[in-house]
Amino acid sequence: MLAFEDVDGRHPAQPWEHEELTRVLDALVTLNDTLTPSPIPPGSVPTAGDVFAKNILGWRRLQQAEAATLARLDAWTGRHLAELAALEATASEAVAGDTLLHADIREDNLLLTPEAVWVVDWPHACVGAAWVDVVAFAPSVAMQGGPAPEAILKYHPAARQADPDAITAAIVSLAGFFTYQSLLPPPPGLPTLRQFQATQGDVARAWSAERLGWK
């Protein structure tokens, strides 16, 4: 265990408050600017492309799932599973970049002090496109009473400047990850995790459908 500093802060209020969310979004922009290019030696952490290729492949895993699992999917997913899996396969290239990313930003990984926003708990750090963190953050914001994901995305300069198709591929992939994970048995000691993932999956699928125009 490594102890760096005792931060005298608190998690953001839930549901999200506008002023606190704005502080966090501003901090994420500053964080991306500071960590681009990545300040750590190449190879110290995985690339976002590797992470998506190896771990964020829920739609393709669902294509191989048993009938009992597939029966639990919502109707929209059932209609579009093959198309979602194909789009998911493009995400590893879409998320390439040179920014050091946290890759798991949620309210419980944030601490607010009067002077700063601290981003803590970095075991999933990777290097990729600067907009990946805000894309992954957005479903949890909506789930916890904040604005819709598209509004969060538009706040971030790197997201506004990025290829929309690349961002859509990442959103679809994250929707698949949350959907697949939510159908697994709960891990020991974390009985609420699957419902947490299921709710984010609901948001991410609706966001995917909105961006793709798929009914």
C-alpha atoms as a PDB file:
ATOM      1  CA  MET A   1       0.000   0.000   0.000  1.00  0.00           C
ATOM      2  CA  LEU A   2       1.213   3.494  -0.866  1.00  0.00           C
ATOM      3  CA  ALA A   3      -0.111   6.527   1.017  1.00  0.00           C
ATOM      4  CA  PHE A   4       0.521   9.835  -0.735  1.00  0.00           C
ATOM      5  CA  GLU A   5      -1.676  12.406   0.968  1.00  0.00           C
ATOM      6  CA  ASP A   6      -4.752  12.556   3.184  1.00  0.00           C
ATOM      7  CA  VAL A   7      -7.208  14.663   1.199  1.00  0.00           C
ATOM      8  CA  ASP A   8      -9.655  16.481   3.463  1.00  0.00           C
ATOM      9  CA  GLY A   9     -12.446  16.361   0.904  1.00  0.00           C
ATOM     10  CA  ARG A  10     -15.824  14.803   0.167  1.00  0.00           C
ATOM     11  CA  HIS A  11     -17.558  13.125  -2.724  1.00  0.00           C
ATOM     12  CA  PRO A  12     -19.860  15.265  -4.892  1.00  0.00           C
ATOM     13  CA  ALA A  13     -23.453  15.533  -3.694  1.00  0.00           C
ATOM     14  CA  GLN A  14     -26.008  13.121  -5.126  1.00  0.00           C
ATOM     15  CA  PRO A  15     -28.079  13.852  -7.091  1.00  0.00           C
ATOM     16  CA  TRP A  16     -25.582  16.035  -8.915  1.00  0.00           C
ATOM     17  CA  GLU A  17     -25.617  19.759  -8.205  1.00  0.00           C
ATOM     18  CA  HIS A  18     -24.911  22.082 -11.129  1.00  0.00           C
ATOM     19  CA  GLU A  19     -22.074  23.994  -9.467  1.00  0.00           C
ATOM     20  CA  GLU A  20     -20.258  20.842  -8.376  1.00  0.00           C
ATOM     21  CA  LEU A  21     -20.689  19.140 -11.740  1.00  0.00           C
ATOM     22  CA  THR A  22     -19.303  22.211 -13.490  1.00  0.00           C
ATOM     23  CA  ARG A  23     -16.284  22.152 -11.175  1.00  0.00           C
ATOM     24  CA  VAL A  24     -15.696  18.496 -11.970  1.00  0.00           C
ATOM     25  CA  LEU A  25     -16.047  18.954 -15.739  1.00  0.00           C
ATOM     26  CA  ASP A  26     -13.649  21.905 -15.657  1.00  0.00           C
ATOM     27  CA  ALA A  27     -11.215  19.773 -13.668  1.00  0.00           C
ATOM     28  CA  LEU A  28     -11.420  16.981 -16.244  1.00  0.00           C
ATOM     29  CA  VAL A  29     -10.547  19.432 -19.018  1.00  0.00           C
ATOM     30  CA  THR A  30      -7.580  20.687 -17.004  1.00  0.00           C
ATOM     31  CA  LEU A  31      -6.540  17.133 -16.197  1.00  0.00           C
ATOM     32  CA  ASN A  32      -6.587  16.173 -19.881  1.00  0.00           C
ATOM     33  CA  ASP A  33      -4.584  19.254 -20.826  1.00  0.00           C
ATOM     34  CA  THR A  34      -2.009  18.500 -18.116  1.00  0.00           C
ATOM     35  CA  LEU A  35      -1.694  14.824 -19.038  1.00  0.00           C
ATOM     36  CA  THR A  36      -1.380  15.347 -22.809  1.00  0.00           C
ATOM     37  CA  PRO A  37       1.015  14.046 -23.907  1.00  0.00           C
ATOM     38  CA  SER A  38       1.200  11.356 -21.244  1.00  0.00           C
ATOM     39  CA  PRO A  39       3.948  12.263 -18.751  1.00  0.00           C
ATOM     40  CA  ILE A  40       4.835   8.650 -17.910  1.00  0.00           C
ATOM     41  CA  PRO A  41       7.193   6.425 -19.931  1.00  0.00           C
ATOM     42  CA  PRO A  42       5.653   4.511 -22.852  1.00  0.00           C
ATOM     43  CA  GLY A  43       4.592   1.030 -21.847  1.00  0.00           C
ATOM     44  CA  SER A  44       4.083   1.932 -18.183  1.00  0.00           C
ATOM     45  CA  VAL A  45       0.324   1.466 -18.587  1.00  0.00           C
ATOM     46  CA  PRO A  46      -1.755  -0.124 -21.374  1.00  0.00           C
ATOM     47  CA  THR A  47      -3.147   1.828 -24.276  1.00  0.00           C
ATOM     48  CA  ALA A  48      -6.873   2.502 -24.333  1.00  0.00           C
ATOM     49  CA  GLY A  49      -6.947   0.527 -27.582  1.00  0.00           C
ATOM     50  CA  ASP A  50      -5.575  -2.533 -25.801  1.00  0.00           C
ATOM     51  CA  VAL A  51      -8.081  -2.115 -22.962  1.00  0.00           C
ATOM     52  CA  PHE A  52     -11.017  -1.904 -25.366  1.00  0.00           C
ATOM     53  CA  ALA A  53      -9.738  -4.796 -27.481  1.00  0.00           C
ATOM     54  CA  LYS A  54      -9.266  -7.125 -24.502  1.00  0.00           C
ATOM     55  CA  ASN A  55     -11.904  -6.054 -21.963  1.00  0.00           C
ATOM     56  CA  ILE A  56     -14.575  -3.805 -23.499  1.00  0.00           C
ATOM     57  CA  LEU A  57     -16.198  -6.378 -25.777  1.00  0.00           C
ATOM     58  CA  GLY A  58     -19.528  -7.100 -24.157  1.00  0.00           C
ATOM     59  CA  TRP A  59     -21.559  -7.240 -27.372  1.00  0.00           C
ATOM     60  CA  ARG A  60     -19.239  -9.850 -28.894  1.00  0.00           C
ATOM     61  CA  ARG A  61     -19.348 -11.874 -25.687  1.00  0.00           C
ATOM     62  CA  LEU A  62     -23.128 -11.713 -25.732  1.00  0.00           C
ATOM     63  CA  GLN A  63     -23.116 -13.112 -29.265  1.00  0.00           C
ATOM     64  CA  GLN A  64     -21.562 -16.253 -27.747  1.00  0.00           C
ATOM     65  CA  ALA A  65     -23.850 -16.332 -24.701  1.00  0.00           C
ATOM     66  CA  GLU A  66     -26.342 -19.042 -23.870  1.00  0.00           C
ATOM     67  CA  ALA A  67     -30.001 -18.672 -24.789  1.00  0.00           C
ATOM     68  CA  ALA A  68     -31.005 -18.052 -21.167  1.00  0.00           C
ATOM     69  CA  THR A  69     -28.695 -15.027 -21.024  1.00  0.00           C
ATOM     70  CA  LEU A  70     -29.844 -13.680 -24.377  1.00  0.00           C
ATOM     71  CA  ALA A  71     -33.452 -13.928 -23.197  1.00  0.00           C
ATOM     72  CA  ARG A  72     -32.654 -11.328 -20.528  1.00  0.00           C
ATOM     73  CA  LEU A  73     -31.644  -8.689 -23.076  1.00  0.00           C
ATOM     74  CA  ASP A  74     -33.919  -5.784 -23.902  1.00  0.00           C
ATOM     75  CA  ALA A  75     -35.696  -5.758 -27.253  1.00  0.00           C
ATOM     76  CA  TRP A  76     -33.502  -3.028 -28.789  1.00  0.00           C
ATOM     77  CA  THR A  77     -30.335  -4.987 -28.062  1.00  0.00           C
ATOM     78  CA  GLY A  78     -31.856  -8.167 -29.420  1.00  0.00           C
ATOM     79  CA  ARG A  79     -32.674  -6.457 -32.723  1.00  0.00           C
ATOM     80  CA  HIS A  80     -29.237  -4.874 -33.143  1.00  0.00           C
ATOM     81  CA  LEU A  81     -26.790  -7.229 -31.429  1.00  0.00           C
ATOM     82  CA  ALA A  82     -24.842  -8.139 -34.579  1.00  0.00           C
ATOM     83  CA  GLU A  83     -24.560  -4.488 -35.643  1.00  0.00           C
ATOM     84  CA  LEU A  84     -23.491  -3.424 -32.152  1.00  0.00           C
ATOM     85  CA  ALA A  85     -20.812  -6.106 -32.070  1.00  0.00           C
ATOM     86  CA  ALA A  86     -19.470  -4.989 -35.443  1.00  0.00           C
ATOM     87  CA  LEU A  87     -19.289  -1.370 -34.334  1.00  0.00           C
ATOM     88  CA  GLU A  88     -17.688  -2.403 -31.045  1.00  0.00           C
ATOM     89  CA  ALA A  89     -14.879  -4.055 -33.010  1.00  0.00           C
ATOM     90  CA  THR A  90     -13.842  -0.639 -34.370  1.00  0.00           C
ATOM     91  CA  ALA A  91     -13.538   1.027 -30.965  1.00  0.00           C
ATOM     92  CA  SER A  92      -9.985  -0.033 -30.133  1.00  0.00           C
ATOM     93  CA  GLU A  93      -8.715   2.052 -33.040  1.00  0.00           C
ATOM     94  CA  ALA A  94     -11.179   4.868 -32.342  1.00  0.00           C
ATOM     95  CA  VAL A  95      -9.903   5.513 -28.787  1.00  0.00           C
ATOM     96  CA  ALA A  96      -6.217   5.842 -29.744  1.00  0.00           C
ATOM     97  CA  GLY A  97      -4.403   8.925 -28.469  1.00  0.00           C
ATOM     98  CA  ASP A  98      -1.598  10.225 -26.262  1.00  0.00           C
ATOM     99  CA  THR A  99      -3.429  11.357 -23.109  1.00  0.00           C
ATOM    100  CA  LEU A 100      -2.965   9.636 -19.762  1.00  0.00           C
ATOM    101  CA  LEU A 101      -6.505   8.608 -18.788  1.00  0.00           C
ATOM    102  CA  HIS A 102      -8.056   7.623 -15.471  1.00  0.00           C
ATOM    103  CA  ALA A 103     -10.559   5.329 -17.253  1.00  0.00           C
ATOM    104  CA  ASP A 104     -12.933   4.960 -14.287  1.00  0.00           C
ATOM    105  CA  ILE A 105     -14.139   8.424 -13.317  1.00  0.00           C
ATOM    106  CA  ARG A 106     -17.310   8.390 -11.218  1.00  0.00           C
ATOM    107  CA  GLU A 107     -18.475  10.419  -8.246  1.00  0.00           C
ATOM    108  CA  ASP A 108     -16.951   7.925  -5.802  1.00  0.00           C
ATOM    109  CA  ASN A 109     -13.529   8.464  -7.405  1.00  0.00           C
ATOM    110  CA  LEU A 110     -13.745  12.220  -6.945  1.00  0.00           C
ATOM    111  CA  LEU A 111     -13.043  14.315  -3.857  1.00  0.00           C
ATOM    112  CA  LEU A 112     -13.999  17.966  -3.599  1.00  0.00           C
ATOM    113  CA  THR A 113     -12.187  20.470  -1.405  1.00  0.00           C
ATOM    114  CA  PRO A 114     -12.842  24.225  -1.352  1.00  0.00           C
ATOM    115  CA  GLU A 115      -9.817  24.736  -3.610  1.00  0.00           C
ATOM    116  CA  ALA A 116      -9.655  21.681  -5.871  1.00  0.00           C
ATOM    117  CA  VAL A 117     -11.181  18.581  -7.403  1.00  0.00           C
ATOM    118  CA  TRP A 118      -9.115  15.469  -6.703  1.00  0.00           C
ATOM    119  CA  VAL A 119      -9.329  12.449  -8.999  1.00  0.00           C
ATOM    120  CA  VAL A 120      -8.399   9.362  -6.987  1.00  0.00           C
ATOM    121  CA  ASP A 121      -8.077   5.589  -7.466  1.00  0.00           C
ATOM    122  CA  TRP A 122      -6.101   5.052 -10.692  1.00  0.00           C
ATOM    123  CA  PRO A 123      -5.728   1.248 -11.138  1.00  0.00           C
ATOM    124  CA  HIS A 124      -7.250   1.384 -14.629  1.00  0.00           C
ATOM    125  CA  ALA A 125      -4.999   4.137 -16.010  1.00  0.00           C
ATOM    126  CA  CYS A 126      -4.238   3.899 -19.722  1.00  0.00           C
ATOM    127  CA  VAL A 127      -3.171   6.127 -22.621  1.00  0.00           C
ATOM    128  CA  GLY A 128      -5.662   7.114 -25.285  1.00  0.00           C
ATOM    129  CA  ALA A 129      -7.883   9.837 -26.724  1.00  0.00           C
ATOM    130  CA  ALA A 130      -8.450  12.797 -24.404  1.00  0.00           C
ATOM    131  CA  TRP A 131     -12.247  12.477 -24.658  1.00  0.00           C
ATOM    132  CA  VAL A 132     -12.453   8.874 -23.399  1.00  0.00           C
ATOM    133  CA  ASP A 133     -12.718   9.817 -19.720  1.00  0.00           C
ATOM    134  CA  VAL A 134     -15.646  12.188 -20.222  1.00  0.00           C
ATOM    135  CA  VAL A 135     -17.468   9.638 -22.432  1.00  0.00           C
ATOM    136  CA  ALA A 136     -17.083   6.958 -19.763  1.00  0.00           C
ATOM    137  CA  PHE A 137     -18.113   9.411 -17.027  1.00  0.00           C
ATOM    138  CA  ALA A 138     -21.291  10.654 -18.701  1.00  0.00           C
ATOM    139  CA  PRO A 139     -23.613   7.644 -18.125  1.00  0.00           C
ATOM    140  CA  SER A 140     -22.961   7.695 -14.376  1.00  0.00           C
ATOM    141  CA  VAL A 141     -23.804  11.414 -14.252  1.00  0.00           C
ATOM    142  CA  ALA A 142     -27.173  10.862 -15.900  1.00  0.00           C
ATOM    143  CA  MET A 143     -27.812   7.847 -13.681  1.00  0.00           C
ATOM    144  CA  GLN A 144     -27.212   9.991 -10.590  1.00  0.00           C
ATOM    145  CA  GLY A 145     -29.552  12.831 -11.448  1.00  0.00           C
ATOM    146  CA  GLY A 146     -27.330  14.918 -13.701  1.00  0.00           C
ATOM    147  CA  PRO A 147     -27.748  16.068 -17.308  1.00  0.00           C
ATOM    148  CA  ALA A 148     -28.095  13.721 -20.260  1.00  0.00           C
ATOM    149  CA  PRO A 149     -24.813  12.272 -21.566  1.00  0.00           C
ATOM    150  CA  GLU A 150     -24.803  14.327 -24.756  1.00  0.00           C
ATOM    151  CA  ALA A 151     -24.844  17.548 -22.714  1.00  0.00           C
ATOM    152  CA  ILE A 152     -21.832  16.335 -20.728  1.00  0.00           C
ATOM    153  CA  LEU A 153     -19.999  15.450 -23.942  1.00  0.00           C
ATOM    154  CA  LYS A 154     -20.558  18.884 -25.483  1.00  0.00           C
ATOM    155  CA  TYR A 155     -18.908  20.521 -22.473  1.00  0.00           C
ATOM    156  CA  HIS A 156     -15.535  18.950 -23.248  1.00  0.00           C
ATOM    157  CA  PRO A 157     -13.335  20.624 -25.922  1.00  0.00           C
ATOM    158  CA  ALA A 158     -11.600  17.417 -27.023  1.00  0.00           C
ATOM    159  CA  ALA A 159     -14.968  15.709 -27.484  1.00  0.00           C
ATOM    160  CA  ARG A 160     -16.312  18.598 -29.546  1.00  0.00           C
ATOM    161  CA  GLN A 161     -13.280  18.412 -31.841  1.00  0.00           C
ATOM    162  CA  ALA A 162     -13.149  14.618 -32.189  1.00  0.00           C
ATOM    163  CA  ASP A 163     -14.514  12.420 -34.965  1.00  0.00           C
ATOM    164  CA  PRO A 164     -18.173  11.804 -34.007  1.00  0.00           C
ATOM    165  CA  ASP A 165     -18.022   8.257 -35.366  1.00  0.00           C
ATOM    166  CA  ALA A 166     -15.043   7.460 -33.116  1.00  0.00           C
ATOM    167  CA  ILE A 167     -16.939   8.708 -30.082  1.00  0.00           C
ATOM    168  CA  THR A 168     -20.036   6.725 -31.062  1.00  0.00           C
ATOM    169  CA  ALA A 169     -17.961   3.550 -31.352  1.00  0.00           C
ATOM    170  CA  ALA A 170     -16.652   4.099 -27.820  1.00  0.00           C
ATOM    171  CA  ILE A 171     -20.135   4.800 -26.448  1.00  0.00           C
ATOM    172  CA  VAL A 172     -21.510   1.645 -28.063  1.00  0.00           C
ATOM    173  CA  SER A 173     -18.619  -0.372 -26.630  1.00  0.00           C
ATOM    174  CA  LEU A 174     -19.168   0.976 -23.126  1.00  0.00           C
ATOM    175  CA  ALA A 175     -22.879   0.199 -23.434  1.00  0.00           C
ATOM    176  CA  GLY A 176     -21.951  -3.378 -24.281  1.00  0.00           C
ATOM    177  CA  PHE A 177     -19.561  -3.600 -21.362  1.00  0.00           C
ATOM    178  CA  PHE A 178     -22.138  -2.426 -18.835  1.00  0.00           C
ATOM    179  CA  THR A 179     -24.863  -4.594 -20.345  1.00  0.00           C
ATOM    180  CA  TYR A 180     -22.775  -7.765 -20.338  1.00  0.00           C
ATOM    181  CA  GLN A 181     -21.295  -7.191 -16.892  1.00  0.00           C
ATOM    182  CA  SER A 182     -24.725  -6.552 -15.386  1.00  0.00           C
ATOM    183  CA  LEU A 183     -25.819 -10.064 -16.370  1.00  0.00           C
ATOM    184  CA  LEU A 184     -22.989 -11.786 -14.502  1.00  0.00           C
ATOM    185  CA  PRO A 185     -23.309 -13.068 -10.916  1.00  0.00           C
ATOM    186  CA  PRO A 186     -22.345 -10.449  -8.315  1.00  0.00           C
ATOM    187  CA  PRO A 187     -18.726 -10.674  -7.141  1.00  0.00           C
ATOM    188  CA  PRO A 188     -18.136 -11.542  -3.476  1.00  0.00           C
ATOM    189  CA  GLY A 189     -18.639  -8.575  -1.191  1.00  0.00           C
ATOM    190  CA  LEU A 190     -20.170  -6.339  -3.893  1.00  0.00           C
ATOM    191  CA  PRO A 191     -23.877  -7.232  -4.005  1.00  0.00           C
ATOM    192  CA  THR A 192     -24.965  -3.911  -5.570  1.00  0.00           C
ATOM    193  CA  LEU A 193     -22.386  -3.779  -8.379  1.00  0.00           C
ATOM    194  CA  ARG A 194     -24.481  -5.513 -11.035  1.00  0.00           C
ATOM    195  CA  GLN A 195     -27.457  -3.186 -10.542  1.00  0.00           C
ATOM    196  CA  PHE A 196     -25.066  -0.213 -10.699  1.00  0.00           C
ATOM    197  CA  GLN A 197     -23.767  -1.536 -14.020  1.00  0.00           C
ATOM    198  CA  ALA A 198     -27.250  -2.341 -15.283  1.00  0.00           C
ATOM    199  CA  THR A 199     -28.436   1.222 -14.723  1.00  0.00           C
ATOM    200  CA  GLN A 200     -25.405   2.658 -16.496  1.00  0.00           C
ATOM    201  CA  GLY A 201     -26.056   0.172 -19.283  1.00  0.00           C
ATOM    202  CA  ASP A 202     -29.619   1.465 -19.651  1.00  0.00           C
ATOM    203  CA  VAL A 203     -28.296   5.016 -20.039  1.00  0.00           C
ATOM    204  CA  ALA A 204     -25.493   4.012 -22.412  1.00  0.00           C
ATOM    205  CA  ARG A 205     -27.813   1.976 -24.657  1.00  0.00           C
ATOM    206  CA  ALA A 206     -30.277   4.846 -24.907  1.00  0.00           C
ATOM    207  CA  TRP A 207     -27.370   7.174 -25.710  1.00  0.00           C
ATOM    208  CA  SER A 208     -26.128   4.754 -28.374  1.00  0.00           C
ATOM    209  CA  ALA A 209     -29.583   4.527 -29.939  1.00  0.00           C
ATOM    210  CA  GLU A 210     -29.840   8.324 -29.982  1.00  0.00           C
ATOM    211  CA  ARG A 211     -26.483   8.789 -31.726  1.00  0.00           C
ATOM    212  CA  LEU A 212     -27.035   5.943 -34.181  1.00  0.00           C
ATOM    213  CA  GLY A 213     -30.676   6.727 -34.918  1.00  0.00           C
ATOM    214  CA  TRP A 214     -31.598   3.079 -34.413  1.00  0.00           C
ATOM    215  CA  LYS A 215     -35.088   2.271 -33.181  1.00  0.00           C
END
